Each structure stands twice: as structure tokens, then as C-alpha cells.
Amino acid sequence: MANVFVTNNSDKSFDGLHAYQRYEFPVGKTVEVDEEVARYFFGYGLEDKLPILARNGWTQTMNDIPKGMEILAKFHVSTEPQAKNHSLSPVVERVPLPSVRVVGGKSTAKAA
């Protein structure tokens, strides 16, 4: 199986036990784990996330499902490590600053 990278974007660290091994996912850190571990803890590649929410204690009743899904959404699983100090969304449009013109010895900013 291939490895994937899990980034904890929540406000609390998460840890759990799988196959007699403890896994820790600290806040703001990216951890490399096997796909099976990501599937077990975060439902990676699964359609039905309800067993994952119940196993992790993020939902107790059917009314808690939306809150549990919010918690689950804070864990980002990808095949590539998340770049450090990199915005997740690219800059769509960049507008240059107005040019400064020198007129008759005076410096004036061009009105927008």
C-alpha cells in the first residue's frame, strides 16, 4: 500500500490506536501514514463516514453527524505533503500599484 499525508488543521491534537500501534496527529503538523491507517481514522477513500465518526467519538447520536463531519473535514489527507508557508488557494488576479509621475519637478501619484 502507498503512504498518504495527513494534516491536522483542527484546534486539538488527535491520537488513536490501530493494529496495536499508536498514531499521533499534532495540531498544524503533517504526518505520513499508510493508506490503511488514513482509511481507519479518517475514512480515506470511503463513501460512508458514519462508522469513522462513531469510532473516533465525534458523534454520539444522529443529531451529532453534522458536527462530526465538521471535525473530520479539518483533517486533510493527500498523496503529497502540504507545502510549508504556502497558501492553499492561488492568487487569481494581481493588480499593480499606481505609477508615480514626475510633473514639473513635483512627484504626484496617478489617480486610480
PDB file of N, CA and C in Angstrom:
ATOM      1  N   MET A   1       0.829  -1.187   0.000  1.00  0.00           N
ATOM      2  CA  MET A   1       0.000   0.000   0.000  1.00  0.00           C
ATOM      3  C   MET A   1       0.875   1.252   0.000  1.00  0.00           C
ATOM      4  N   ALA A   2       0.329   2.292  -0.536  1.00  0.00           N
ATOM      5  CA  ALA A   2       1.043   3.568  -0.614  1.00  0.00           C
ATOM      6  C   ALA A   2       0.834   4.378   0.663  1.00  0.00           C
ATOM      7  N   ASN A   3       1.704   5.327   0.874  1.00  0.00           N
ATOM      8  CA  ASN A   3       1.571   6.223   2.012  1.00  0.00           C
ATOM      9  C   ASN A   3       0.853   7.489   1.597  1.00  0.00           C
ATOM     10  N   VAL A   4       0.159   8.105   2.542  1.00  0.00           N
ATOM     11  CA  VAL A   4      -0.513   9.382   2.339  1.00  0.00           C
ATOM     12  C   VAL A   4      -0.095  10.312   3.469  1.00  0.00           C
ATOM     13  N   PHE A   5      -0.404  11.585   3.310  1.00  0.00           N
ATOM     14  CA  PHE A   5      -0.025  12.606   4.284  1.00  0.00           C
ATOM     15  C   PHE A   5      -1.284  13.194   4.902  1.00  0.00           C
ATOM     16  N   VAL A   6      -1.330  13.203   6.234  1.00  0.00           N
ATOM     17  CA  VAL A   6      -2.481  13.724   6.970  1.00  0.00           C
ATOM     18  C   VAL A   6      -2.049  14.981   7.703  1.00  0.00           C
ATOM     19  N   THR A   7      -2.771  16.083   7.473  1.00  0.00           N
ATOM     20  CA  THR A   7      -2.504  17.344   8.152  1.00  0.00           C
ATOM     21  C   THR A   7      -3.674  17.659   9.068  1.00  0.00           C
ATOM     22  N   ASN A   8      -3.377  17.896  10.336  1.00  0.00           N
ATOM     23  CA  ASN A   8      -4.391  18.223  11.329  1.00  0.00           C
ATOM     24  C   ASN A   8      -4.572  19.730  11.362  1.00  0.00           C
ATOM     25  N   ASN A   9      -5.681  20.214  10.801  1.00  0.00           N
ATOM     26  CA  ASN A   9      -5.974  21.646  10.786  1.00  0.00           C
ATOM     27  C   ASN A   9      -6.980  22.031  11.864  1.00  0.00           C
ATOM     28  N   SER A  10      -7.236  21.119  12.803  1.00  0.00           N
ATOM     29  CA  SER A  10      -8.173  21.429  13.876  1.00  0.00           C
ATOM     30  C   SER A  10      -7.449  22.148  15.007  1.00  0.00           C
ATOM     31  N   ASP A  11      -8.177  22.436  16.085  1.00  0.00           N
ATOM     32  CA  ASP A  11      -7.576  23.132  17.220  1.00  0.00           C
ATOM     33  C   ASP A  11      -7.160  22.183  18.338  1.00  0.00           C
ATOM     34  N   LYS A  12      -7.352  20.866  18.131  1.00  0.00           N
ATOM     35  CA  LYS A  12      -6.945  19.875  19.122  1.00  0.00           C
ATOM     36  C   LYS A  12      -6.157  18.759  18.460  1.00  0.00           C
ATOM     37  N   SER A  13      -5.143  18.244  19.177  1.00  0.00           N
ATOM     38  CA  SER A  13      -4.399  17.112  18.630  1.00  0.00           C
ATOM     39  C   SER A  13      -5.270  15.870  18.682  1.00  0.00           C
ATOM     40  N   PHE A  14      -4.947  14.899  17.844  1.00  0.00           N
ATOM     41  CA  PHE A  14      -5.720  13.667  17.757  1.00  0.00           C
ATOM     42  C   PHE A  14      -4.756  12.495  17.792  1.00  0.00           C
ATOM     43  N   ASP A  15      -5.094  11.485  18.578  1.00  0.00           N
ATOM     44  CA  ASP A  15      -4.293  10.265  18.566  1.00  0.00           C
ATOM     45  C   ASP A  15      -5.227   9.073  18.669  1.00  0.00           C
ATOM     46  N   GLY A  16      -4.722   7.933  18.223  1.00  0.00           N
ATOM     47  CA  GLY A  16      -5.525   6.721  18.245  1.00  0.00           C
ATOM     48  C   GLY A  16      -4.666   5.493  18.076  1.00  0.00           C
ATOM     49  N   LEU A  17      -5.283   4.354  18.299  1.00  0.00           N
ATOM     50  CA  LEU A  17      -4.596   3.072  18.226  1.00  0.00           C
ATOM     51  C   LEU A  17      -5.151   2.267  17.056  1.00  0.00           C
ATOM     52  N   HIS A  18      -4.249   1.776  16.220  1.00  0.00           N
ATOM     53  CA  HIS A  18      -4.640   0.926  15.091  1.00  0.00           C
ATOM     54  C   HIS A  18      -3.599  -0.171  14.941  1.00  0.00           C
ATOM     55  N   ALA A  19      -4.052  -1.419  14.916  1.00  0.00           N
ATOM     56  CA  ALA A  19      -3.170  -2.583  14.765  1.00  0.00           C
ATOM     57  C   ALA A  19      -2.055  -2.569  15.819  1.00  0.00           C
ATOM     58  N   TYR A  20      -2.436  -2.276  17.052  1.00  0.00           N
ATOM     59  CA  TYR A  20      -1.526  -2.255  18.205  1.00  0.00           C
ATOM     60  C   TYR A  20      -0.430  -1.202  18.098  1.00  0.00           C
ATOM     61  N   GLN A  21      -0.638  -0.194  17.300  1.00  0.00           N
ATOM     62  CA  GLN A  21       0.327   0.893  17.168  1.00  0.00           C
ATOM     63  C   GLN A  21      -0.391   2.220  17.382  1.00  0.00           C
ATOM     64  N   ARG A  22       0.217   3.102  18.169  1.00  0.00           N
ATOM     65  CA  ARG A  22      -0.360   4.411  18.452  1.00  0.00           C
ATOM     66  C   ARG A  22       0.085   5.404  17.376  1.00  0.00           C
ATOM     67  N   TYR A  23      -0.889   6.174  16.900  1.00  0.00           N
ATOM     68  CA  TYR A  23      -0.629   7.223  15.907  1.00  0.00           C
ATOM     69  C   TYR A  23      -1.028   8.555  16.512  1.00  0.00           C
ATOM     70  N   GLU A  24      -0.194   9.560  16.328  1.00  0.00           N
ATOM     71  CA  GLU A  24      -0.470  10.900  16.832  1.00  0.00           C
ATOM     72  C   GLU A  24      -0.496  11.884  15.671  1.00  0.00           C
ATOM     73  N   PHE A  25      -1.489  12.769  15.715  1.00  0.00           N
ATOM     74  CA  PHE A  25      -1.652  13.794  14.693  1.00  0.00           C
ATOM     75  C   PHE A  25      -1.706  15.149  15.406  1.00  0.00           C
ATOM     76  N   PRO A  26      -0.532  15.777  15.636  1.00  0.00           N
ATOM     77  CA  PRO A  26      -0.495  17.062  16.343  1.00  0.00           C
ATOM     78  C   PRO A  26      -1.103  18.187  15.499  1.00  0.00           C
ATOM     79  N   VAL A  27      -1.569  19.214  16.173  1.00  0.00           N
ATOM     80  CA  VAL A  27      -2.182  20.371  15.507  1.00  0.00           C
ATOM     81  C   VAL A  27      -1.171  21.041  14.579  1.00  0.00           C
ATOM     82  N   GLY A  28      -1.589  21.293  13.350  1.00  0.00           N
ATOM     83  CA  GLY A  28      -0.764  22.006  12.386  1.00  0.00           C
ATOM     84  C   GLY A  28       0.383  21.219  11.790  1.00  0.00           C
ATOM     85  N   LYS A  29       0.486  19.942  12.081  1.00  0.00           N
ATOM     86  CA  LYS A  29       1.583  19.118  11.577  1.00  0.00           C
ATOM     87  C   LYS A  29       1.071  18.149  10.518  1.00  0.00           C
ATOM     88  N   THR A  30       1.958  17.766   9.610  1.00  0.00           N
ATOM     89  CA  THR A  30       1.656  16.769   8.595  1.00  0.00           C
ATOM     90  C   THR A  30       2.366  15.479   8.972  1.00  0.00           C
ATOM     91  N   VAL A  31       1.602  14.390   8.989  1.00  0.00           N
ATOM     92  CA  VAL A  31       2.123  13.082   9.378  1.00  0.00           C
ATOM     93  C   VAL A  31       1.949  12.120   8.206  1.00  0.00           C
ATOM     94  N   GLU A  32       3.001  11.381   7.881  1.00  0.00           N
ATOM     95  CA  GLU A  32       2.937  10.394   6.803  1.00  0.00           C
ATOM     96  C   GLU A  32       2.518   9.057   7.399  1.00  0.00           C
ATOM     97  N   VAL A  33       1.426   8.482   6.853  1.00  0.00           N
ATOM     98  CA  VAL A  33       0.915   7.192   7.320  1.00  0.00           C
ATOM     99  C   VAL A  33       0.521   6.333   6.127  1.00  0.00           C
ATOM    100  N   ASP A  34       0.300   5.067   6.386  1.00  0.00           N
ATOM    101  CA  ASP A  34      -0.162   4.139   5.369  1.00  0.00           C
ATOM    102  C   ASP A  34      -1.628   4.459   5.028  1.00  0.00           C
ATOM    103  N   GLU A  35      -2.039   4.159   3.803  1.00  0.00           N
ATOM    104  CA  GLU A  35      -3.429   4.397   3.385  1.00  0.00           C
ATOM    105  C   GLU A  35      -4.426   3.705   4.312  1.00  0.00           C
ATOM    106  N   GLU A  36      -4.087   2.522   4.781  1.00  0.00           N
ATOM    107  CA  GLU A  36      -4.970   1.770   5.669  1.00  0.00           C
ATOM    108  C   GLU A  36      -5.227   2.538   6.966  1.00  0.00           C
ATOM    109  N   VAL A  37      -4.208   3.189   7.497  1.00  0.00           N
ATOM    110  CA  VAL A  37      -4.349   3.983   8.717  1.00  0.00           C
ATOM    111  C   VAL A  37      -5.248   5.190   8.450  1.00  0.00           C
ATOM    112  N   ALA A  38      -5.052   5.869   7.322  1.00  0.00           N
ATOM    113  CA  ALA A  38      -5.895   7.017   6.957  1.00  0.00           C
ATOM    114  C   ALA A  38      -7.335   6.577   6.738  1.00  0.00           C
ATOM    115  N   ARG A  39      -7.537   5.397   6.184  1.00  0.00           N
ATOM    116  CA  ARG A  39      -8.882   4.863   5.984  1.00  0.00           C
ATOM    117  C   ARG A  39      -9.537   4.568   7.330  1.00  0.00           C
ATOM    118  N   TYR A  40      -8.780   3.985   8.255  1.00  0.00           N
ATOM    119  CA  TYR A  40      -9.306   3.611   9.564  1.00  0.00           C
ATOM    120  C   TYR A  40      -9.700   4.829  10.397  1.00  0.00           C
ATOM    121  N   PHE A  41      -8.829   5.846  10.454  1.00  0.00           N
ATOM    122  CA  PHE A  41      -9.095   7.013  11.292  1.00  0.00           C
ATOM    123  C   PHE A  41      -9.958   8.076  10.627  1.00  0.00           C
ATOM    124  N   PHE A  42      -9.802   8.281   9.313  1.00  0.00           N
ATOM    125  CA  PHE A  42     -10.440   9.413   8.646  1.00  0.00           C
ATOM    126  C   PHE A  42     -11.348   9.021   7.482  1.00  0.00           C
ATOM    127  N   GLY A  43     -11.530   7.737   7.235  1.00  0.00           N
ATOM    128  CA  GLY A  43     -12.417   7.293   6.161  1.00  0.00           C
ATOM    129  C   GLY A  43     -11.873   7.598   4.786  1.00  0.00           C
ATOM    130  N   TYR A  44     -10.555   7.649   4.637  1.00  0.00           N
ATOM    131  CA  TYR A  44      -9.932   7.979   3.358  1.00  0.00           C
ATOM    132  C   TYR A  44     -10.385   6.993   2.283  1.00  0.00           C
ATOM    133  N   GLY A  45     -11.025   7.514   1.249  1.00  0.00           N
ATOM    134  CA  GLY A  45     -11.489   6.694   0.136  1.00  0.00           C
ATOM    135  C   GLY A  45     -12.813   5.995   0.377  1.00  0.00           C
ATOM    136  N   LEU A  46     -13.442   6.208   1.521  1.00  0.00           N
ATOM    137  CA  LEU A  46     -14.720   5.565   1.827  1.00  0.00           C
ATOM    138  C   LEU A  46     -15.874   6.537   1.608  1.00  0.00           C
ATOM    139  N   GLU A  47     -16.998   6.004   1.151  1.00  0.00           N
ATOM    140  CA  GLU A  47     -18.198   6.816   0.969  1.00  0.00           C
ATOM    141  C   GLU A  47     -18.875   7.094   2.311  1.00  0.00           C
ATOM    142  N   ASP A  48     -19.051   6.039   3.114  1.00  0.00           N
ATOM    143  CA  ASP A  48     -19.771   6.136   4.383  1.00  0.00           C
ATOM    144  C   ASP A  48     -18.805   6.487   5.505  1.00  0.00           C
ATOM    145  N   LYS A  49     -18.908   7.691   6.024  1.00  0.00           N
ATOM    146  CA  LYS A  49     -18.016   8.162   7.085  1.00  0.00           C
ATOM    147  C   LYS A  49     -18.608   7.960   8.480  1.00  0.00           C
ATOM    148  N   LEU A  50     -19.862   7.532   8.582  1.00  0.00           N
ATOM    149  CA  LEU A  50     -20.523   7.399   9.868  1.00  0.00           C
ATOM    150  C   LEU A  50     -19.791   6.466  10.837  1.00  0.00           C
ATOM    151  N   PRO A  51     -19.310   5.276  10.415  1.00  0.00           N
ATOM    152  CA  PRO A  51     -18.556   4.438  11.354  1.00  0.00           C
ATOM    153  C   PRO A  51     -17.279   5.111  11.865  1.00  0.00           C
ATOM    154  N   ILE A  52     -16.662   5.939  11.038  1.00  0.00           N
ATOM    155  CA  ILE A  52     -15.444   6.643  11.432  1.00  0.00           C
ATOM    156  C   ILE A  52     -15.779   7.677  12.508  1.00  0.00           C
ATOM    157  N   LEU A  53     -16.869   8.418  12.295  1.00  0.00           N
ATOM    158  CA  LEU A  53     -17.286   9.429  13.265  1.00  0.00           C
ATOM    159  C   LEU A  53     -17.592   8.796  14.618  1.00  0.00           C
ATOM    160  N   ALA A  54     -18.277   7.656  14.602  1.00  0.00           N
ATOM    161  CA  ALA A  54     -18.622   6.967  15.846  1.00  0.00           C
ATOM    162  C   ALA A  54     -17.368   6.402  16.522  1.00  0.00           C
ATOM    163  N   ARG A  55     -16.485   5.790  15.764  1.00  0.00           N
ATOM    164  CA  ARG A  55     -15.266   5.187  16.316  1.00  0.00           C
ATOM    165  C   ARG A  55     -14.386   6.235  16.997  1.00  0.00           C
ATOM    166  N   ASN A  56     -14.290   7.415  16.399  1.00  0.00           N
ATOM    167  CA  ASN A  56     -13.442   8.468  16.951  1.00  0.00           C
ATOM    168  C   ASN A  56     -14.128   9.270  18.055  1.00  0.00           C
ATOM    169  N   GLY A  57     -15.405   8.976  18.314  1.00  0.00           N
ATOM    170  CA  GLY A  57     -16.137   9.684  19.361  1.00  0.00           C
ATOM    171  C   GLY A  57     -16.588  11.075  18.967  1.00  0.00           C
ATOM    172  N   TRP A  58     -16.643  11.344  17.680  1.00  0.00           N
ATOM    173  CA  TRP A  58     -17.039  12.662  17.201  1.00  0.00           C
ATOM    174  C   TRP A  58     -18.537  12.782  17.042  1.00  0.00           C
ATOM    175  N   THR A  59     -19.265  11.681  17.187  1.00  0.00           N
ATOM    176  CA  THR A  59     -20.718  11.710  17.117  1.00  0.00           C
ATOM    177  C   THR A  59     -21.280  10.655  18.059  1.00  0.00           C
ATOM    178  N   GLN A  60     -22.324  11.012  18.779  1.00  0.00           N
ATOM    179  CA  GLN A  60     -22.976  10.090  19.696  1.00  0.00           C
ATOM    180  C   GLN A  60     -24.356   9.694  19.173  1.00  0.00           C
ATOM    181  N   THR A  61     -25.053  10.661  18.571  1.00  0.00           N
ATOM    182  CA  THR A  61     -26.389  10.421  18.035  1.00  0.00           C
ATOM    183  C   THR A  61     -26.435  10.911  16.591  1.00  0.00           C
ATOM    184  N   MET A  62     -27.541  10.650  15.937  1.00  0.00           N
ATOM    185  CA  MET A  62     -27.704  11.096  14.552  1.00  0.00           C
ATOM    186  C   MET A  62     -27.693  12.625  14.457  1.00  0.00           C
ATOM    187  N   ASN A  63     -28.089  13.305  15.536  1.00  0.00           N
ATOM    188  CA  ASN A  63     -28.083  14.773  15.545  1.00  0.00           C
ATOM    189  C   ASN A  63     -26.668  15.336  15.548  1.00  0.00           C
ATOM    190  N   ASP A  64     -25.681  14.535  15.963  1.00  0.00           N
ATOM    191  CA  ASP A  64     -24.295  14.990  16.049  1.00  0.00           C
ATOM    192  C   ASP A  64     -23.520  14.826  14.740  1.00  0.00           C
ATOM    193  N   ILE A  65     -24.121  14.231  13.744  1.00  0.00           N
ATOM    194  CA  ILE A  65     -23.408  13.946  12.493  1.00  0.00           C
ATOM    195  C   ILE A  65     -22.844  15.208  11.831  1.00  0.00           C
ATOM    196  N   PRO A  66     -23.618  16.297  11.695  1.00  0.00           N
ATOM    197  CA  PRO A  66     -23.026  17.497  11.072  1.00  0.00           C
ATOM    198  C   PRO A  66     -21.804  18.025  11.833  1.00  0.00           C
ATOM    199  N   LYS A  67     -21.861  18.017  13.157  1.00  0.00           N
ATOM    200  CA  LYS A  67     -20.724  18.475  13.957  1.00  0.00           C
ATOM    201  C   LYS A  67     -19.527  17.537  13.763  1.00  0.00           C
ATOM    202  N   GLY A  68     -19.777  16.241  13.723  1.00  0.00           N
ATOM    203  CA  GLY A  68     -18.708  15.275  13.498  1.00  0.00           C
ATOM    204  C   GLY A  68     -18.073  15.430  12.134  1.00  0.00           C
ATOM    205  N   MET A  69     -18.880  15.720  11.129  1.00  0.00           N
ATOM    206  CA  MET A  69     -18.343  15.930   9.775  1.00  0.00           C
ATOM    207  C   MET A  69     -17.489  17.195   9.718  1.00  0.00           C
ATOM    208  N   GLU A  70     -17.842  18.215  10.507  1.00  0.00           N
ATOM    209  CA  GLU A  70     -17.027  19.425  10.572  1.00  0.00           C
ATOM    210  C   GLU A  70     -15.647  19.104  11.149  1.00  0.00           C
ATOM    211  N   ILE A  71     -15.625  18.280  12.182  1.00  0.00           N
ATOM    212  CA  ILE A  71     -14.345  17.885  12.786  1.00  0.00           C
ATOM    213  C   ILE A  71     -13.524  17.086  11.783  1.00  0.00           C
ATOM    214  N   LEU A  72     -14.167  16.119  11.114  1.00  0.00           N
ATOM    215  CA  LEU A  72     -13.480  15.281  10.138  1.00  0.00           C
ATOM    216  C   LEU A  72     -12.912  16.102   8.987  1.00  0.00           C
ATOM    217  N   ALA A  73     -13.628  17.146   8.589  1.00  0.00           N
ATOM    218  CA  ALA A  73     -13.186  17.990   7.471  1.00  0.00           C
ATOM    219  C   ALA A  73     -11.914  18.772   7.800  1.00  0.00           C
ATOM    220  N   LYS A  74     -11.568  18.883   9.070  1.00  0.00           N
ATOM    221  CA  LYS A  74     -10.367  19.617   9.468  1.00  0.00           C
ATOM    222  C   LYS A  74      -9.096  18.787   9.313  1.00  0.00           C
ATOM    223  N   PHE A  75      -9.246  17.520   8.948  1.00  0.00           N
ATOM    224  CA  PHE A  75      -8.094  16.661   8.696  1.00  0.00           C
ATOM    225  C   PHE A  75      -7.944  16.506   7.188  1.00  0.00           C
ATOM    226  N   HIS A  76      -6.843  17.011   6.658  1.00  0.00           N
ATOM    227  CA  HIS A  76      -6.605  16.994   5.218  1.00  0.00           C
ATOM    228  C   HIS A  76      -5.714  15.802   4.879  1.00  0.00           C
ATOM    229  N   VAL A  77      -6.227  14.902   4.024  1.00  0.00           N
ATOM    230  CA  VAL A  77      -5.471  13.717   3.603  1.00  0.00           C
ATOM    231  C   VAL A  77      -5.143  13.874   2.127  1.00  0.00           C
ATOM    232  N   SER A  78      -3.853  13.733   1.780  1.00  0.00           N
ATOM    233  CA  SER A  78      -3.444  13.873   0.382  1.00  0.00           C
ATOM    234  C   SER A  78      -2.282  12.939   0.079  1.00  0.00           C
ATOM    235  N   THR A  79      -2.023  12.776  -1.206  1.00  0.00           N
ATOM    236  CA  THR A  79      -0.917  11.912  -1.627  1.00  0.00           C
ATOM    237  C   THR A  79       0.414  12.654  -1.633  1.00  0.00           C
ATOM    238  N   GLU A  80       0.368  13.977  -1.529  1.00  0.00           N
ATOM    239  CA  GLU A  80       1.569  14.813  -1.498  1.00  0.00           C
ATOM    240  C   GLU A  80       1.614  15.578  -0.181  1.00  0.00           C
ATOM    241  N   PRO A  81       2.804  15.794   0.372  1.00  0.00           N
ATOM    242  CA  PRO A  81       2.878  16.577   1.611  1.00  0.00           C
ATOM    243  C   PRO A  81       2.473  18.026   1.356  1.00  0.00           C
ATOM    244  N   GLN A  82       1.836  18.634   2.343  1.00  0.00           N
ATOM    245  CA  GLN A  82       1.410  20.021   2.223  1.00  0.00           C
ATOM    246  C   GLN A  82       2.626  20.919   2.320  1.00  0.00           C
ATOM    247  N   ALA A  83       2.737  21.875   1.405  1.00  0.00           N
ATOM    248  CA  ALA A  83       3.887  22.783   1.386  1.00  0.00           C
ATOM    249  C   ALA A  83       3.841  23.713   2.589  1.00  0.00           C
ATOM    250  N   LYS A  84       4.996  23.988   3.158  1.00  0.00           N
ATOM    251  CA  LYS A  84       5.096  24.890   4.309  1.00  0.00           C
ATOM    252  C   LYS A  84       4.956  26.327   3.835  1.00  0.00           C
ATOM    253  N   ASN A  85       4.255  27.140   4.630  1.00  0.00           N
ATOM    254  CA  ASN A  85       4.064  28.570   4.353  1.00  0.00           C
ATOM    255  C   ASN A  85       3.554  28.814   2.942  1.00  0.00           C
ATOM    256  N   HIS A  86       2.609  28.009   2.524  1.00  0.00           N
ATOM    257  CA  HIS A  86       2.063  28.124   1.181  1.00  0.00           C
ATOM    258  C   HIS A  86       0.558  28.237   1.277  1.00  0.00           C
ATOM    259  N   SER A  87       0.022  29.221   0.601  1.00  0.00           N
ATOM    260  CA  SER A  87      -1.417  29.404   0.588  1.00  0.00           C
ATOM    261  C   SER A  87      -2.057  28.270  -0.208  1.00  0.00           C
ATOM    262  N   LEU A  88      -3.177  27.762   0.279  1.00  0.00           N
ATOM    263  CA  LEU A  88      -3.847  26.673  -0.422  1.00  0.00           C
ATOM    264  C   LEU A  88      -4.522  27.143  -1.698  1.00  0.00           C
ATOM    265  N   SER A  89      -4.925  28.424  -1.761  1.00  0.00           N
ATOM    266  CA  SER A  89      -5.553  28.918  -2.972  1.00  0.00           C
ATOM    267  C   SER A  89      -4.587  29.842  -3.702  1.00  0.00           C
ATOM    268  N   PRO A  90      -4.476  29.695  -5.007  1.00  0.00           N
ATOM    269  CA  PRO A  90      -3.553  30.541  -5.755  1.00  0.00           C
ATOM    270  C   PRO A  90      -4.091  31.962  -5.899  1.00  0.00           C
ATOM    271  N   VAL A  91      -3.195  32.899  -6.179  1.00  0.00           N
ATOM    272  CA  VAL A  91      -3.593  34.276  -6.425  1.00  0.00           C
ATOM    273  C   VAL A  91      -4.210  34.325  -7.806  1.00  0.00           C
ATOM    274  N   VAL A  92      -5.457  34.737  -7.871  1.00  0.00           N
ATOM    275  CA  VAL A  92      -6.172  34.737  -9.142  1.00  0.00           C
ATOM    276  C   VAL A  92      -5.816  35.968  -9.963  1.00  0.00           C
ATOM    277  N   GLU A  93      -5.814  37.120  -9.320  1.00  0.00           N
ATOM    278  CA  GLU A  93      -5.557  38.345 -10.051  1.00  0.00           C
ATOM    279  C   GLU A  93      -4.636  39.220  -9.215  1.00  0.00           C
ATOM    280  N   ARG A  94      -3.685  39.818  -9.864  1.00  0.00           N
ATOM    281  CA  ARG A  94      -2.771  40.710  -9.161  1.00  0.00           C
ATOM    282  C   ARG A  94      -2.827  42.075  -9.848  1.00  0.00           C
ATOM    283  N   VAL A  95      -3.120  43.114  -9.083  1.00  0.00           N
ATOM    284  CA  VAL A  95      -3.248  44.459  -9.626  1.00  0.00           C
ATOM    285  C   VAL A  95      -2.012  45.254  -9.249  1.00  0.00           C
ATOM    286  N   PRO A  96      -1.332  45.876 -10.238  1.00  0.00           N
ATOM    287  CA  PRO A  96      -0.130  46.651  -9.916  1.00  0.00           C
ATOM    288  C   PRO A  96      -0.482  47.943  -9.184  1.00  0.00           C
ATOM    289  N   LEU A  97       0.493  48.458  -8.435  1.00  0.00           N
ATOM    290  CA  LEU A  97       0.308  49.732  -7.749  1.00  0.00           C
ATOM    291  C   LEU A  97       0.282  50.850  -8.774  1.00  0.00           C
ATOM    292  N   PRO A  98      -0.370  51.969  -8.440  1.00  0.00           N
ATOM    293  CA  PRO A  98      -0.383  53.091  -9.388  1.00  0.00           C
ATOM    294  C   PRO A  98       1.025  53.643  -9.587  1.00  0.00           C
ATOM    295  N   SER A  99       1.295  54.086 -10.799  1.00  0.00           N
ATOM    296  CA  SER A  99       2.625  54.613 -11.102  1.00  0.00           C
ATOM    297  C   SER A  99       2.769  56.032 -10.565  1.00  0.00           C
ATOM    298  N   VAL A 100       3.992  56.399 -10.267  1.00  0.00           N
ATOM    299  CA  VAL A 100       4.295  57.749  -9.770  1.00  0.00           C
ATOM    300  C   VAL A 100       4.827  58.555 -10.944  1.00  0.00           C
ATOM    301  N   ARG A 101       4.241  59.711 -11.179  1.00  0.00           N
ATOM    302  CA  ARG A 101       4.659  60.568 -12.296  1.00  0.00           C
ATOM    303  C   ARG A 101       5.327  61.812 -11.741  1.00  0.00           C
ATOM    304  N   VAL A 102       6.339  62.232 -12.424  1.00  0.00           N
ATOM    305  CA  VAL A 102       7.015  63.464 -12.059  1.00  0.00           C
ATOM    306  C   VAL A 102       6.580  64.517 -13.062  1.00  0.00           C
ATOM    307  N   VAL A 103       5.872  65.570 -12.567  1.00  0.00           N
ATOM    308  CA  VAL A 103       5.376  66.634 -13.431  1.00  0.00           C
ATOM    309  C   VAL A 103       5.882  67.956 -12.887  1.00  0.00           C
ATOM    310  N   GLY A 104       6.688  68.640 -13.680  1.00  0.00           N
ATOM    311  CA  GLY A 104       7.190  69.962 -13.274  1.00  0.00           C
ATOM    312  C   GLY A 104       7.960  69.922 -11.966  1.00  0.00           C
ATOM    313  N   GLY A 105       8.716  68.862 -11.742  1.00  0.00           N
ATOM    314  CA  GLY A 105       9.528  68.788 -10.531  1.00  0.00           C
ATOM    315  C   GLY A 105       8.777  68.273  -9.320  1.00  0.00           C
ATOM    316  N   LYS A 106       7.475  68.052  -9.463  1.00  0.00           N
ATOM    317  CA  LYS A 106       6.700  67.538  -8.346  1.00  0.00           C
ATOM    318  C   LYS A 106       6.327  66.072  -8.605  1.00  0.00           C
ATOM    319  N   SER A 107       6.367  65.311  -7.565  1.00  0.00           N
ATOM    320  CA  SER A 107       6.011  63.899  -7.659  1.00  0.00           C
ATOM    321  C   SER A 107       4.551  63.741  -7.271  1.00  0.00           C
ATOM    322  N   THR A 108       3.756  63.222  -8.195  1.00  0.00           N
ATOM    323  CA  THR A 108       2.334  63.006  -7.885  1.00  0.00           C
ATOM    324  C   THR A 108       1.969  61.554  -8.230  1.00  0.00           C
ATOM    325  N   ALA A 109       1.109  60.989  -7.426  1.00  0.00           N
ATOM    326  CA  ALA A 109       0.634  59.637  -7.697  1.00  0.00           C
ATOM    327  C   ALA A 109      -0.529  59.738  -8.657  1.00  0.00           C
ATOM    328  N   LYS A 110      -0.551  58.867  -9.630  1.00  0.00           N
ATOM    329  CA  LYS A 110      -1.624  58.833 -10.605  1.00  0.00           C
ATOM    330  C   LYS A 110      -2.913  58.406  -9.914  1.00  0.00           C
ATOM    331  N   ALA A 111      -3.978  59.130 -10.147  1.00  0.00           N
ATOM    332  CA  ALA A 111      -5.268  58.811  -9.523  1.00  0.00           C
ATOM    333  C   ALA A 111      -5.835  57.553 -10.161  1.00  0.00           C
ATOM    334  N   ALA A 112      -6.437  56.729  -9.353  1.00  0.00           N
ATOM    335  CA  ALA A 112      -6.972  55.460  -9.846  1.00  0.00           C
ATOM    336  C   ALA A 112      -8.323  55.643 -10.470  1.00  0.00           C
TER     337      ALA A 112
END
